[in-house]
Protein backbone atom coordinates (compact mmCIF):
# COMPACT_ATOMS: atom_id res chain seq x y z
CA UNK A 1 -4.43 154.67 53.76
CA UNK A 2 -1.12 152.54 53.55
CA UNK A 3 2.61 153.67 53.78
CA UNK A 4 4.71 156.50 55.67
CA UNK A 5 3.02 159.91 56.47
CA UNK A 6 4.00 162.42 54.70
CA UNK A 7 4.34 165.95 55.97
CA UNK A 8 1.31 167.08 53.01
CA UNK A 9 -1.02 165.00 55.08
CA UNK A 10 -3.04 166.18 57.77
CA UNK A 11 -3.44 164.71 61.42
CA UNK A 12 -5.89 162.18 61.65
CA UNK A 13 -6.87 163.47 65.26
CA UNK A 14 -6.14 167.02 66.78
CA UNK A 15 -6.85 168.68 69.90
CA UNK A 16 -8.86 171.86 69.60
CA UNK A 17 -10.23 173.71 72.83
CA UNK A 18 -12.67 176.16 72.63
CA UNK A 19 -11.00 178.04 75.69
CA UNK A 20 -7.87 178.63 74.09
CA UNK A 21 -9.25 180.16 71.08
CA UNK A 22 -11.99 182.31 72.59
CA UNK A 23 -10.46 185.53 74.65
CA UNK A 24 -11.74 185.81 78.28
CA UNK A 25 -12.96 189.24 77.74
CA UNK A 26 -15.10 188.01 74.83
CA UNK A 27 -19.26 188.88 74.89
CA UNK A 28 -20.10 185.21 74.40
CA UNK A 29 -17.79 184.28 77.73
CA UNK A 30 -19.97 187.21 79.55
CA UNK A 31 -23.45 185.73 78.35
CA UNK A 32 -22.53 182.46 79.44
CA UNK A 33 -22.12 182.76 82.73
CA UNK A 34 -25.89 184.53 83.23
CA UNK A 35 -27.61 182.63 80.79
CA UNK A 36 -28.59 179.17 81.26
CA UNK A 37 -28.62 176.99 77.91
CA UNK A 38 -29.17 173.52 79.56
CA UNK A 39 -33.39 173.68 78.27
CA UNK A 40 -31.78 174.43 74.66
CA UNK A 41 -29.54 171.45 75.21
CA UNK A 42 -32.24 168.94 76.23
CA UNK A 43 -34.78 170.26 73.23
CA UNK A 44 -32.07 169.60 70.96
CA UNK A 45 -30.58 166.53 71.87
CA UNK A 46 -32.87 164.10 69.59
CA UNK A 47 -31.23 165.93 66.63
CA UNK A 48 -27.64 164.49 67.31
CA UNK A 49 -26.31 161.23 67.78
CA UNK A 50 -25.68 159.23 71.12
CA UNK A 51 -22.31 157.68 69.74
CA UNK A 52 -19.94 160.79 68.29
């Protein structure tokens, strides 16, 4: 889109960090410390794009 950006337009790129939004005491953080999900990631790899 050409032209000036107005306030109503959302930013094209934004910064989102999960660490900022999930409290340190959240249950998933404690599970993540003890459960290794690398096997699952490898099994799901064919379903995701290499480029993004």
